[in-house]
Amino acid sequence: VMRRNPFGMDICCRKGSRSPLQELYNPTQVSLSNTAILHQIRRDQVTDTCRANSVSSRKRRVLTPNDLKHLVVDEDHEMIYCYVPKVACTNWKRVMMVLTGRGKYSDPMEIPANEAHVSSNLKTLNQYSIPEINHRLKNYMKFLFVREPFERLVSAYRNKFTQKYNTSFHKRYGTKIVRRQRKNATQEALRKGDDVKFEEFVAYLIDPHTQREEPFNEHWQTVYSLCHPCHIHYDLIGKYETLEEDSNYILQLAGVSNYLKFPTYAKSTRTTDEMTTEFFQNISSLHQTQLYEVYKLDFLMFNYSVPSYLKLE
């Protein structure tokens, strides 16, 4: 039996009301305007960082459709979400499926995680024509979520290299990392690639060879490169540290907060600051410094201070 979504009408037909963009920049509620100030500060931080670092990259790159494949479009609520793996992106994709599903889904948590990552379930900006892309970038509310860069990196490592079920990652990246970073690797390690150490992963990331060979996998690619915040003006920058407040604020701006809340979930397996500190204990100060350079723009742009556990050269 198909469960009818009681909010189907609200979800699909919000035309005529104010858009999230209008609500963000000209809030009608006091509660919204206080939060708006915080997001203005975050936007300014991004703008200032882009400006300060543009000297080094004088050639202004023109974005290609391929650069827009992480930007999920919600036509009904006029919103664009750039997803960043390891920053609650599964739950945000679930929420986007509820928002764009026109009543097909009502509870984000009833959508299986693997279903949320099926690309055909959500429409991305690279599927539109150039004029349509420009129109949406100008008129839709654009948002993304960020996380402390090294915490996100450790989270990606734990998920992709320490879980036995992630065999495709072990085969594709693990075997390559072992081959390149491990002296006297066993035949089994070279074949399976399922026991990559964090130190080897870091060495792989800072290896110039890696940078030249292929773009980073999206799970450890910088937010700067995934969402292009210096080329695309994001109206809202949510943070993993304030995930629920920021997410529900976005749903409030979209006018759906009376029936849609961002899912809260168990924090038991979540990568924490303490855990990250531990992972970095065995990384040499030279490698820490080189790794910081790779993620430096993400630290600066989203106002994350240099972690106290780092021993930078």
Foldseek 3Di string as FASTA:
>chain_A
DQDFQPCLCVLQAPPPDDALVCCLVPNPDPVNVVVSVVQVVLLVLQQVLLVVPCVVVVPDDDDALVLFLQWFAAVRRLETEREFPLLCRLLVLLVSLCNRVSRNDQASVVQDSVNSPPSVSTDILSVDDPVVSVVSLPGGAYEYEDEDQLLLVVVLCCVQQADPPNQVSQQPPLLVLCVPQPPPDDPVCNRRSRHDALQSVLCCVLPVCNVVPDADDSSNAEPCRNVVCSVGRHSGYHYSVCVQVRVLSSCVSSVNNVRDGRDDDDCVPRRDPVNSLVSCPPHDQDSLQSSCVNHVSVCSSSVNDDDPSHDHD
